[in-house]
């Protein structure tokens, strides 16, 4: 939200509003400093803590479940082709028996997906998330439904290309959307909760595919999977147009005091100068919450011109932290998509299932276990601010799972390895996304950084489609060994990123980055404007390790 809008909405906090109003509406009223029912500066620490707890609970109930469901549907509609394959997709569309045509269908989706991710995320603010996100959901739901009535492999290829185009913006948009409401140390758990939709999609997808396979139907089983899941996506997207809050001003059920606190929590840190008996000045002291919001409105008058946006985009592509995290995302996401697309086929090849329905049901426990591990890891990561160590532990779990799934000759042990690697690989990306968002600042840099990260992770999706060949069953040596090497590489990349942030933090504490601020202060820039302009390049910006 723009700073003037934030200032104006505080004055109108008592008014009910639709959650779908534009994030960039312009209002002209000012803050009423004399309204008692929205005063937060006079609260005791205990009262403020209680108020913030109440606010976060309301945020969690309004924002997180919707994001979880949206990403569950996104991942389900993108990867349910793995279940459709077990229900006769390749045979009915006369696709090659060696799996080549199937892999082409998987690959085609990611080409437009990667191309449109960054542009899509750059327009989230312009159109408003409460309009843009439901629009994307309805579009890909329609495309997913049409996937159920294709009659040839060429038709499937074309449909998958459109599916990639319409789904491209949803994950980066959701990741950015949460930063409108939560502080950076609160993002880990929330990112994990909505990203758990990826693991839950495997759970529900397997159960739904099994149920569809057992009922009478007008279309082939694989067609009904696409049709039913696509229809539900459309209906949920339409509902989100009315219930998804666009920004803080459009939250439901919050009191004026809670709304004001929500603004204060998200406002840039602002400092004020005060007189000193000896030197005439003292170091900056923290301003009150209300002054912080007002300072953003009055001082941080940056114009988001095309030149400024391009500067933020280029700043992203030259940030070593962003590049290291994105590259690590490619490495560990390859395993995630390998698991999502091929685990039903791999499980069937183990010989422990007697039918297609049993194979689909056996794909449920790995993703269900991954859900609980993901939430546990996120809770610990947020509570103790363990970003790097949490990711390292989860990568090691993934590596152990790969080793067991590939190295053992006992089918039940190999299945246990699939459960183990699922617990690791599904739990890493939400922490990776949070780590990226924690260590970037500035709306357009964050939007570009998270989109770039997801471009890399989806590139891992492309790689995964060419790793598991039918003629290599049941060992799938190529797929497991490549993923083993990539996850080892991810360990190195995240560790280099951690060491770089430690080094850069020391440089800032030593005053070696102060020239960035001094140059702008000499030009008469205010503290708030400098912070917004420099973002994570500001010397006082602290990395979360």
Protein backbone atom coordinates (compact mmCIF):
# COMPACT_ATOMS: atom_id res chain seq x y z
CA UNK A 1 0.00 0.00 0.00
CA UNK A 2 1.19 3.50 -0.73
CA UNK A 3 2.09 5.65 2.26
CA UNK A 4 -0.63 8.28 1.71
CA UNK A 5 -3.20 5.54 1.50
CA UNK A 6 -1.94 4.05 4.74
CA UNK A 7 -2.28 7.41 6.49
CA UNK A 8 -5.78 7.98 5.17
CA UNK A 9 -7.04 4.50 5.96
CA UNK A 10 -6.09 4.90 9.60
CA UNK A 11 -8.59 7.71 9.89
CA UNK A 12 -11.27 5.52 8.36
CA UNK A 13 -10.51 2.41 10.39
CA UNK A 14 -14.03 2.27 11.85
CA UNK A 15 -15.66 1.97 8.46
CA UNK A 16 -16.56 -1.45 7.08
CA UNK A 17 -15.06 -2.14 3.69
CA UNK A 18 -14.96 -4.78 1.00
CA UNK A 19 -11.76 -6.85 0.94
CA UNK A 20 -11.50 -6.45 -2.79
CA UNK A 21 -10.92 -2.72 -3.07
CA UNK A 22 -7.78 -1.62 -4.88
CA UNK A 23 -4.49 -1.57 -3.01
CA UNK A 24 -3.54 1.73 -4.57
CA UNK A 25 -6.66 3.81 -3.99
CA UNK A 26 -5.90 7.42 -3.09
CA UNK A 27 -7.58 9.05 -0.12
CA UNK A 28 -6.92 12.47 1.39
CA UNK A 29 -8.01 12.33 5.02
CA UNK A 30 -5.37 12.64 7.77
CA UNK A 31 -4.75 10.75 11.00
CA UNK A 32 -6.91 11.77 13.94
CA UNK A 33 -4.47 11.85 16.84
CA UNK A 34 -7.20 12.29 19.43
CA UNK A 35 -9.28 9.17 18.87
CA UNK A 36 -8.97 7.01 21.97
CA UNK A 37 -10.29 3.76 20.52
CA UNK A 38 -7.41 3.42 18.07
CA UNK A 39 -4.58 4.73 20.28
CA UNK A 40 -1.69 2.26 20.54
CA UNK A 41 1.20 4.44 21.74
CA UNK A 42 -0.16 4.63 25.30
CA UNK A 43 -0.48 0.85 25.66
CA UNK A 44 1.66 -0.96 28.19
CA UNK A 45 3.98 -3.69 26.86
CA UNK A 46 1.57 -6.35 28.14
CA UNK A 47 -1.43 -4.66 26.49
CA UNK A 48 0.43 -4.24 23.21
CA UNK A 49 1.54 -7.87 23.25
CA UNK A 50 -2.05 -9.00 23.84
CA UNK A 51 -3.32 -6.73 21.06
CA UNK A 52 -0.68 -8.02 18.64
CA UNK A 53 -1.51 -11.61 19.53
CA UNK A 54 -5.18 -10.94 18.78
CA UNK A 55 -4.28 -9.25 15.49
CA UNK A 56 -2.03 -12.08 14.33
CA UNK A 57 -4.71 -14.63 15.17
CA UNK A 58 -7.19 -12.75 12.98
CA UNK A 59 -4.61 -12.43 10.21
CA UNK A 60 -3.87 -16.14 10.38
CA UNK A 61 -7.53 -17.07 10.05
CA UNK A 62 -8.20 -14.66 7.20
CA UNK A 63 -5.03 -14.91 5.12
CA UNK A 64 -3.26 -18.25 5.61
CA UNK A 65 -6.13 -20.72 4.93
CA UNK A 66 -6.97 -18.96 1.68
CA UNK A 67 -3.33 -18.99 0.58
CA UNK A 68 -3.02 -22.66 1.53
CA UNK A 69 -6.08 -23.62 -0.49
CA UNK A 70 -4.97 -21.54 -3.47
CA UNK A 71 -1.55 -23.17 -3.61
CA UNK A 72 -3.00 -26.63 -2.99
CA UNK A 73 -5.19 -26.18 -6.06
CA UNK A 74 -2.30 -24.75 -8.06
CA UNK A 75 0.03 -27.65 -7.30
CA UNK A 76 -2.76 -30.19 -7.70
CA UNK A 77 -3.82 -28.91 -11.13
CA UNK A 78 -0.17 -28.81 -12.23
CA UNK A 79 0.85 -32.28 -11.04
CA UNK A 80 -2.36 -34.35 -11.18
CA UNK A 81 -1.15 -35.55 -14.57
CA UNK A 82 0.92 -38.07 -12.58
CA UNK A 83 -2.30 -39.68 -11.28
CA UNK A 84 -3.94 -39.31 -14.70
CA UNK A 85 -1.07 -41.32 -16.16
CA UNK A 86 -2.00 -44.28 -13.96
CA UNK A 87 -5.61 -43.98 -15.20
CA UNK A 88 -4.84 -44.55 -18.88
CA UNK A 89 -3.87 -41.07 -20.14
CA UNK A 90 -0.97 -42.31 -22.30
CA UNK A 91 -2.93 -45.18 -23.81
CA UNK A 92 -6.03 -43.13 -24.69
CA UNK A 93 -4.02 -40.32 -26.30
CA UNK A 94 -1.74 -42.78 -28.12
CA UNK A 95 1.41 -41.45 -26.46
CA UNK A 96 4.74 -43.29 -26.75
CA UNK A 97 5.23 -46.29 -24.48
CA UNK A 98 8.72 -45.20 -23.43
CA UNK A 99 7.30 -42.13 -21.67
CA UNK A 100 8.89 -39.58 -24.03
CA UNK A 101 5.58 -37.92 -24.98
CA UNK A 102 4.59 -37.77 -21.31
CA UNK A 103 7.84 -35.99 -20.45
CA UNK A 104 7.27 -33.52 -23.29
CA UNK A 105 3.84 -32.70 -21.85
CA UNK A 106 5.44 -32.04 -18.46
CA UNK A 107 8.19 -29.88 -19.95
CA UNK A 108 5.91 -27.70 -22.09
CA UNK A 109 4.08 -26.39 -19.01
CA UNK A 110 7.23 -24.87 -17.53
CA UNK A 111 8.34 -22.82 -20.53
CA UNK A 112 5.56 -20.15 -20.30
CA UNK A 113 5.48 -20.67 -16.54
CA UNK A 114 9.06 -19.44 -16.25
CA UNK A 115 8.65 -16.65 -18.83
CA UNK A 116 5.64 -15.02 -17.15
CA UNK A 117 6.53 -15.34 -13.45
CA UNK A 118 8.48 -12.10 -13.06
CA UNK A 119 6.15 -9.90 -15.20
CA UNK A 120 3.14 -11.28 -13.33
CA UNK A 121 4.61 -10.43 -9.94
CA UNK A 122 5.48 -6.88 -11.00
CA UNK A 123 1.80 -6.10 -11.67
CA UNK A 124 0.45 -7.45 -8.36
CA UNK A 125 0.56 -3.97 -6.80
CA UNK A 126 -0.93 -2.30 -9.87
CA UNK A 127 -4.04 -4.49 -10.08
CA UNK A 128 -4.23 -5.44 -6.40
CA UNK A 129 -3.85 -9.02 -5.13
CA UNK A 130 -7.58 -9.32 -4.37
CA UNK A 131 -8.28 -8.97 -8.09
CA UNK A 132 -5.16 -10.40 -9.71
CA UNK A 133 -4.94 -13.65 -7.73
CA UNK A 134 -8.61 -14.71 -8.22
CA UNK A 135 -8.28 -13.84 -11.92
CA UNK A 136 -5.35 -16.22 -12.27
CA UNK A 137 -7.18 -18.94 -10.32
CA UNK A 138 -10.29 -18.84 -12.51
CA UNK A 139 -8.19 -18.84 -15.70
CA UNK A 140 -6.10 -21.87 -14.80
CA UNK A 141 -9.15 -23.70 -13.44
CA UNK A 142 -10.83 -23.32 -16.82
CA UNK A 143 -7.73 -24.53 -18.65
CA UNK A 144 -7.43 -27.49 -16.28
CA UNK A 145 -11.03 -28.48 -16.95
CA UNK A 146 -10.45 -28.39 -20.70
CA UNK A 147 -7.46 -30.70 -20.19
CA UNK A 148 -9.98 -33.42 -19.38
CA UNK A 149 -11.51 -33.40 -22.87
CA UNK A 150 -8.40 -33.36 -25.08
CA UNK A 151 -8.35 -36.14 -27.67
CA UNK A 152 -4.73 -36.17 -28.79
CA UNK A 153 -1.25 -35.66 -27.43
CA UNK A 154 -0.95 -32.41 -29.43
CA UNK A 155 -4.08 -31.12 -27.73
CA UNK A 156 -2.55 -32.05 -24.39
CA UNK A 157 0.66 -30.17 -25.27
CA UNK A 158 -1.27 -27.01 -26.17
CA UNK A 159 -3.36 -27.23 -23.02
CA UNK A 160 -0.29 -27.65 -20.81
CA UNK A 161 1.26 -24.53 -22.35
CA UNK A 162 -1.82 -22.48 -21.47
CA UNK A 163 -1.88 -24.02 -17.99
CA UNK A 164 1.70 -22.87 -17.44
CA UNK A 165 0.83 -19.36 -18.62
CA UNK A 166 -2.14 -18.98 -16.29
CA UNK A 167 -0.50 -20.56 -13.24
CA UNK A 168 2.80 -18.68 -13.59
CA UNK A 169 1.97 -15.83 -11.24
CA UNK A 170 0.28 -17.60 -8.34
CA UNK A 171 3.18 -18.81 -6.15
CA UNK A 172 5.27 -15.60 -6.36
CA UNK A 173 2.11 -13.54 -5.84
CA UNK A 174 1.16 -15.48 -2.70
CA UNK A 175 4.68 -15.21 -1.30
CA UNK A 176 4.68 -11.44 -1.89
CA UNK A 177 1.11 -11.10 -0.62
CA UNK A 178 2.04 -12.40 2.85
CA UNK A 179 4.66 -9.66 3.21
CA UNK A 180 1.81 -7.10 3.15
CA UNK A 181 0.63 -8.41 6.54
CA UNK A 182 3.47 -10.16 8.38
CA UNK A 183 6.85 -9.11 9.72
CA UNK A 184 9.81 -10.97 8.32
CA UNK A 185 10.41 -13.08 11.45
CA UNK A 186 6.78 -14.28 11.20
CA UNK A 187 6.94 -15.41 7.57
CA UNK A 188 8.52 -18.86 7.98
CA UNK A 189 5.53 -20.58 9.55
CA UNK A 190 3.00 -18.80 7.31
CA UNK A 191 4.94 -19.63 4.17
CA UNK A 192 5.15 -23.25 5.31
CA UNK A 193 1.44 -23.40 6.07
CA UNK A 194 0.36 -22.29 2.62
CA UNK A 195 3.17 -24.17 0.85
CA UNK A 196 2.00 -27.30 2.64
CA UNK A 197 -0.66 -27.22 -0.05
CA UNK A 198 1.98 -28.89 -2.23
CA UNK A 199 2.22 -31.94 0.03
CA UNK A 200 -1.51 -31.95 0.77
CA UNK A 201 -2.21 -31.90 -2.97
CA UNK A 202 -0.41 -35.24 -3.17
CA UNK A 203 -2.50 -36.58 -0.32
CA UNK A 204 -5.86 -35.40 -1.67
CA UNK A 205 -4.87 -36.07 -5.26
CA UNK A 206 -4.15 -39.71 -4.53
CA UNK A 207 -7.38 -40.18 -2.59
CA UNK A 208 -9.48 -38.35 -5.19
CA UNK A 209 -7.95 -40.23 -8.11
CA UNK A 210 -8.68 -43.53 -6.34
CA UNK A 211 -12.30 -42.55 -5.72
CA UNK A 212 -12.82 -41.39 -9.31
CA UNK A 213 -11.41 -44.65 -10.58
CA UNK A 214 -14.06 -46.61 -8.65
CA UNK A 215 -17.18 -44.74 -9.86
CA UNK A 216 -19.13 -44.80 -13.11
CA UNK A 217 -18.29 -41.77 -15.24
CA UNK A 218 -19.04 -40.28 -18.68
CA UNK A 219 -15.35 -39.59 -19.38
CA UNK A 220 -12.22 -41.70 -18.92
CA UNK A 221 -10.87 -41.73 -15.38
CA UNK A 222 -8.01 -39.37 -16.23
CA UNK A 223 -10.45 -36.93 -17.87
CA UNK A 224 -12.68 -36.86 -14.80
CA UNK A 225 -9.64 -36.08 -12.60
CA UNK A 226 -8.95 -32.94 -14.63
CA UNK A 227 -12.62 -31.99 -14.94
CA UNK A 228 -13.58 -32.27 -11.27
CA UNK A 229 -10.46 -30.64 -9.88
CA UNK A 230 -10.59 -27.82 -12.47
CA UNK A 231 -14.25 -27.08 -11.71
CA UNK A 232 -13.55 -26.79 -7.99
CA UNK A 233 -10.66 -24.43 -8.75
CA UNK A 234 -12.95 -22.11 -10.74
CA UNK A 235 -15.55 -21.98 -7.97
CA UNK A 236 -12.92 -21.25 -5.32
CA UNK A 237 -11.37 -18.52 -7.48
CA UNK A 238 -14.74 -16.78 -7.81
CA UNK A 239 -15.24 -16.99 -4.03
CA UNK A 240 -11.80 -15.42 -3.44
CA UNK A 241 -12.83 -12.38 -5.46
CA UNK A 242 -15.18 -11.53 -2.57
CA UNK A 243 -13.33 -12.82 0.51
CA UNK A 244 -9.60 -12.30 -0.14
CA UNK A 245 -8.41 -9.12 1.69
CA UNK A 246 -6.52 -6.81 -0.62
CA UNK A 247 -4.43 -5.13 2.08
CA UNK A 248 -4.53 -4.07 5.73
CA UNK A 249 -7.35 -1.59 5.15
CA UNK A 250 -9.60 -4.39 3.83
CA UNK A 251 -9.15 -6.92 6.62
CA UNK A 252 -12.29 -8.37 8.14
CA UNK A 253 -13.12 -8.41 11.86
CA UNK A 254 -10.27 -6.21 13.07
CA UNK A 255 -10.85 -3.33 15.48
CA UNK A 256 -9.61 0.21 14.71
CA UNK A 257 -6.85 -0.30 17.27
CA UNK A 258 -5.77 -3.58 15.71
CA UNK A 259 -5.80 -2.04 12.23
CA UNK A 260 -3.59 0.80 13.39
CA UNK A 261 -1.19 -1.68 14.97
CA UNK A 262 -1.14 -3.63 11.71
CA UNK A 263 0.01 -0.50 9.88
CA UNK A 264 2.62 0.29 12.55
CA UNK A 265 4.02 -3.24 12.38
CA UNK A 266 4.59 -2.99 8.64
CA UNK A 267 5.84 0.63 8.52
CA UNK A 268 9.51 1.26 7.80
CA UNK A 269 11.62 1.91 10.94
CA UNK A 270 11.84 5.67 11.38
CA UNK A 271 14.11 7.59 13.75
CA UNK A 272 14.03 11.11 15.12
CA UNK A 273 16.78 13.47 16.26
CA UNK A 274 16.76 14.79 19.83
CA UNK A 275 18.88 17.46 21.61
CA UNK A 276 21.79 16.50 23.86
CA UNK A 277 23.37 18.55 26.65
CA UNK A 278 26.95 18.03 25.48
CA UNK A 279 26.92 17.61 21.73
CA UNK A 280 23.60 19.12 20.73
CA UNK A 281 22.35 15.80 19.36
CA UNK A 282 22.02 12.21 20.47
CA UNK A 283 21.84 9.05 18.41
CA UNK A 284 18.52 8.44 16.69
CA UNK A 285 15.78 7.14 18.96
CA UNK A 286 12.80 5.09 17.87
CA UNK A 287 9.73 7.08 16.96
CA UNK A 288 6.27 6.14 18.21
CA UNK A 289 4.20 3.78 16.11
CA UNK A 290 1.94 6.60 14.92
CA UNK A 291 4.88 8.80 14.01
CA UNK A 292 6.39 5.94 12.06
CA UNK A 293 3.27 5.66 9.92
CA UNK A 294 3.04 9.42 9.53
CA UNK A 295 6.70 9.66 8.59
CA UNK A 296 6.18 7.15 5.82
CA UNK A 297 3.27 9.22 4.54
CA UNK A 298 5.11 12.55 4.73
CA UNK A 299 8.70 11.72 3.89
CA UNK A 300 9.00 8.57 1.83
CA UNK A 301 7.62 10.19 -1.27
CA UNK A 302 9.43 7.99 -3.74
CA UNK A 303 7.83 7.86 -7.15
CA UNK A 304 7.54 4.34 -8.51
CA UNK A 305 8.52 5.35 -12.02
CA UNK A 306 9.57 2.89 -14.69
CA UNK A 307 13.18 3.90 -14.07
CA UNK A 308 12.88 3.15 -10.34
CA UNK A 309 11.21 -0.22 -10.97
CA UNK A 310 13.93 -1.17 -13.46
CA UNK A 311 16.58 -0.19 -10.90
CA UNK A 312 14.99 -2.56 -8.38
CA UNK A 313 14.80 -5.35 -10.94
CA UNK A 314 18.47 -4.94 -11.89
CA UNK A 315 19.42 -4.74 -8.21
CA UNK A 316 17.88 -8.18 -7.80
CA UNK A 317 19.86 -9.73 -10.64
CA UNK A 318 23.15 -8.46 -9.20
CA UNK A 319 22.53 -9.47 -5.58
CA UNK A 320 24.77 -12.48 -4.75
CA UNK A 321 22.44 -13.58 -1.94
CA UNK A 322 19.44 -13.74 -4.28
CA UNK A 323 21.43 -15.63 -6.91
CA UNK A 324 22.83 -18.16 -4.43
CA UNK A 325 19.41 -18.83 -2.90
CA UNK A 326 17.79 -19.12 -6.32
CA UNK A 327 20.46 -21.58 -7.51
CA UNK A 328 19.99 -23.69 -4.37
CA UNK A 329 16.25 -23.60 -5.02
CA UNK A 330 16.83 -25.16 -8.44
CA UNK A 331 18.90 -27.92 -6.86
CA UNK A 332 16.46 -29.06 -4.20
CA UNK A 333 13.27 -28.34 -6.17
CA UNK A 334 14.30 -30.85 -8.84
CA UNK A 335 13.72 -33.57 -6.25
CA UNK A 336 10.38 -32.07 -5.23
CA UNK A 337 9.03 -32.16 -8.79
CA UNK A 338 10.59 -35.56 -9.44
CA UNK A 339 8.61 -36.82 -6.46
CA UNK A 340 5.40 -35.04 -7.48
CA UNK A 341 5.42 -36.28 -11.08
CA UNK A 342 6.93 -39.74 -10.75
CA UNK A 343 6.33 -41.09 -7.23
CA UNK A 344 3.04 -42.81 -8.27
CA UNK A 345 4.93 -44.54 -11.09
CA UNK A 346 7.94 -45.38 -8.89
CA UNK A 347 5.70 -46.79 -6.15
CA UNK A 348 3.86 -48.92 -8.69
CA UNK A 349 7.19 -50.29 -9.96
CA UNK A 350 8.15 -51.48 -6.45
CA UNK A 351 5.64 -54.31 -6.72
CA UNK A 352 4.10 -53.74 -3.29
CA UNK A 353 0.75 -52.64 -4.80
CA UNK A 354 -1.51 -55.16 -6.54
CA UNK A 355 -3.57 -52.60 -8.50
CA UNK A 356 -3.59 -49.03 -9.77
CA UNK A 357 -5.89 -48.03 -6.91
CA UNK A 358 -3.44 -49.40 -4.32
CA UNK A 359 -0.56 -47.55 -6.01
CA UNK A 360 -2.53 -44.31 -5.78
CA UNK A 361 -3.33 -44.91 -2.12
CA UNK A 362 0.34 -45.63 -1.36
CA UNK A 363 1.22 -42.18 -2.72
CA UNK A 364 -0.73 -40.63 0.20
CA UNK A 365 1.45 -41.46 3.28
CA UNK A 366 4.65 -39.77 1.97
CA UNK A 367 2.93 -36.43 1.35
CA UNK A 368 0.88 -36.65 4.56
CA UNK A 369 4.08 -37.17 6.57
CA UNK A 370 5.72 -34.30 4.67
CA UNK A 371 2.94 -31.96 5.79
CA UNK A 372 3.65 -32.52 9.48
CA UNK A 373 7.42 -32.28 9.06
CA UNK A 374 7.05 -29.04 7.10
CA UNK A 375 4.95 -27.37 9.80
CA UNK A 376 7.25 -28.57 12.59
CA UNK A 377 10.36 -27.30 10.80
CA UNK A 378 8.73 -23.92 10.15
CA UNK A 379 7.63 -23.49 13.77
CA UNK A 380 11.15 -24.19 15.03
CA UNK A 381 12.70 -21.98 12.35
CA UNK A 382 10.49 -19.03 13.26
CA UNK A 383 10.77 -19.49 17.01
CA UNK A 384 14.55 -19.72 17.10
CA UNK A 385 15.21 -17.80 13.85
CA UNK A 386 17.03 -20.83 12.44
CA UNK A 387 16.83 -20.37 8.69
CA UNK A 388 20.14 -21.83 7.47
CA UNK A 389 20.37 -24.70 9.95
CA UNK A 390 16.73 -25.70 9.30
CA UNK A 391 17.30 -25.86 5.55
CA UNK A 392 20.55 -27.82 5.97
CA UNK A 393 18.88 -30.42 8.20
CA UNK A 394 16.02 -30.87 5.72
CA UNK A 395 18.42 -31.25 2.79
CA UNK A 396 20.26 -33.94 4.75
CA UNK A 397 16.94 -35.72 5.34
CA UNK A 398 16.28 -35.58 1.59
CA UNK A 399 19.73 -37.01 0.85
CA UNK A 400 19.15 -39.84 3.35
CA UNK A 401 15.82 -40.62 1.71
CA UNK A 402 17.36 -40.68 -1.77
CA UNK A 403 20.09 -42.99 -0.53
CA UNK A 404 17.57 -45.43 0.97
CA UNK A 405 15.19 -45.32 -2.02
CA UNK A 406 18.03 -45.99 -4.45
CA UNK A 407 20.46 -48.11 -2.45
CA UNK A 408 18.14 -50.66 -0.86
CA UNK A 409 16.99 -53.78 -2.68
CA UNK A 410 14.04 -54.33 -0.32
CA UNK A 411 10.81 -52.82 -1.70
CA UNK A 412 9.43 -51.80 1.71
CA UNK A 413 12.69 -50.05 2.59
CA UNK A 414 12.70 -48.22 -0.74
CA UNK A 415 9.15 -47.08 -0.01
CA UNK A 416 10.38 -45.82 3.37
CA UNK A 417 13.05 -43.88 1.51
CA UNK A 418 10.36 -42.20 -0.59
CA UNK A 419 8.56 -41.18 2.61
CA UNK A 420 11.82 -39.79 4.03
CA UNK A 421 12.81 -37.81 0.94
CA UNK A 422 9.25 -36.46 0.70
CA UNK A 423 9.50 -35.15 4.26
CA UNK A 424 12.69 -33.31 3.36
CA UNK A 425 11.98 -32.01 -0.12
CA UNK A 426 8.47 -30.69 0.55
CA UNK A 427 9.64 -28.86 3.68
CA UNK A 428 12.59 -26.95 2.20
CA UNK A 429 10.95 -24.51 -0.28
CA UNK A 430 8.76 -22.60 2.23
CA UNK A 431 11.83 -21.95 4.38
CA UNK A 432 13.80 -21.03 1.28
CA UNK A 433 11.11 -18.55 0.25
CA UNK A 434 11.02 -17.08 3.76
CA UNK A 435 14.80 -16.79 3.87
CA UNK A 436 14.74 -14.96 0.54
CA UNK A 437 12.02 -12.56 1.70
CA UNK A 438 13.73 -12.04 5.08
CA UNK A 439 16.88 -10.83 3.37
CA UNK A 440 15.46 -8.59 0.66
CA UNK A 441 13.69 -5.26 1.09
CA UNK A 442 11.78 -2.95 -1.20
CA UNK A 443 8.49 -3.94 -2.83
CA UNK A 444 9.75 -4.36 -6.38
CA UNK A 445 13.02 -6.03 -5.40
CA UNK A 446 11.12 -8.50 -3.23
CA UNK A 447 8.63 -9.12 -6.03
CA UNK A 448 11.44 -9.74 -8.52
CA UNK A 449 13.56 -11.78 -6.10
CA UNK A 450 10.82 -14.21 -5.17
CA UNK A 451 9.74 -14.55 -8.81
CA UNK A 452 13.37 -15.23 -9.81
CA UNK A 453 13.66 -17.83 -7.05
CA UNK A 454 10.55 -19.57 -8.36
CA UNK A 455 11.86 -19.36 -11.94
CA UNK A 456 14.85 -21.37 -10.74
CA UNK A 457 12.74 -23.87 -8.80
CA UNK A 458 10.51 -24.41 -11.81
CA UNK A 459 13.59 -24.91 -13.94
CA UNK A 460 14.18 -27.80 -11.58
CA UNK A 461 10.73 -28.96 -12.60
CA UNK A 462 11.85 -29.08 -16.22
CA UNK A 463 14.97 -31.05 -15.29
CA UNK A 464 12.92 -33.53 -13.28
CA UNK A 465 10.78 -34.45 -16.28
CA UNK A 466 13.80 -35.96 -18.05
CA UNK A 467 15.30 -37.98 -15.19
CA UNK A 468 12.98 -40.96 -14.77
CA UNK A 469 12.67 -43.30 -17.77
CA UNK A 470 10.35 -46.28 -17.99
CA UNK A 471 13.13 -48.60 -19.15
CA UNK A 472 15.14 -47.81 -16.00
CA UNK A 473 12.48 -49.15 -13.62
CA UNK A 474 12.53 -50.09 -10.83
CA UNK A 475 15.99 -48.68 -9.93
CA UNK A 476 15.73 -45.36 -11.79
CA UNK A 477 19.49 -44.86 -11.34
CA UNK A 478 19.69 -41.68 -13.40
CA UNK A 479 16.88 -39.92 -11.52
CA UNK A 480 18.03 -40.77 -8.01
CA UNK A 481 21.75 -40.13 -8.59
CA UNK A 482 21.21 -36.76 -10.28
CA UNK A 483 18.96 -35.67 -7.41
CA UNK A 484 21.56 -36.88 -4.92
CA UNK A 485 24.24 -34.71 -6.54
CA UNK A 486 21.93 -31.69 -6.80
CA UNK A 487 21.00 -31.82 -3.13
CA UNK A 488 24.68 -32.06 -2.19
CA UNK A 489 25.22 -28.96 -4.32
CA UNK A 490 22.34 -27.22 -2.54
CA UNK A 491 24.14 -27.77 0.78
CA UNK A 492 27.16 -25.93 -0.58
CA UNK A 493 25.14 -23.06 -2.05
CA UNK A 494 23.10 -22.28 1.08
CA UNK A 495 26.26 -22.46 3.18
CA UNK A 496 28.05 -19.99 0.90
CA UNK A 497 25.04 -17.66 1.15
CA UNK A 498 25.15 -17.91 4.94
CA UNK A 499 28.87 -17.12 5.07
CA UNK A 500 28.44 -14.17 2.70
CA UNK A 501 25.70 -12.65 4.87
CA UNK A 502 27.86 -13.05 7.99
CA UNK A 503 30.75 -11.28 6.23
CA UNK A 504 28.55 -8.49 4.84
CA UNK A 505 26.98 -7.96 8.28
CA UNK A 506 30.43 -7.43 9.76
CA UNK A 507 31.26 -4.92 7.03
CA UNK A 508 28.14 -2.91 7.87
CA UNK A 509 28.82 -2.93 11.60
CA UNK A 510 32.33 -1.65 10.87
CA UNK A 511 30.82 1.35 9.04
CA UNK A 512 32.09 0.33 5.61
CA UNK A 513 28.66 0.77 4.01
CA UNK A 514 27.73 4.11 5.63
CA UNK A 515 28.66 6.04 2.48
CA UNK A 516 25.43 4.85 0.87
CA UNK A 517 23.38 6.80 3.42
CA UNK A 518 25.70 9.79 3.74
CA UNK A 519 25.56 10.49 0.02
CA UNK A 520 21.76 10.69 0.04
CA UNK A 521 21.61 12.69 3.30
CA UNK A 522 23.89 15.27 1.69
CA UNK A 523 21.20 15.65 -0.96
CA UNK A 524 18.60 16.41 1.73
CA UNK A 525 16.82 13.07 1.72
CA UNK A 526 14.86 12.08 4.83
CA UNK A 527 15.62 8.94 6.80
CA UNK A 528 12.38 7.24 5.71
CA UNK A 529 13.00 8.01 2.04
CA UNK A 530 16.58 6.73 2.26
CA UNK A 531 15.42 3.46 3.83
CA UNK A 532 12.81 2.91 1.18
CA UNK A 533 15.26 3.73 -1.62
CA UNK A 534 18.16 1.59 -0.37
CA UNK A 535 16.07 -1.29 0.95
CA UNK A 536 18.33 -4.16 2.01
CA UNK A 537 21.40 -2.16 0.94
CA UNK A 538 20.87 0.18 3.90
CA UNK A 539 23.73 -0.22 6.43
CA UNK A 540 21.23 -0.82 9.26
CA UNK A 541 19.45 -3.64 7.44
CA UNK A 542 20.28 -6.86 9.30
CA UNK A 543 20.29 -10.22 7.57
CA UNK A 544 18.40 -13.10 9.11
CA UNK A 545 20.75 -16.05 9.29
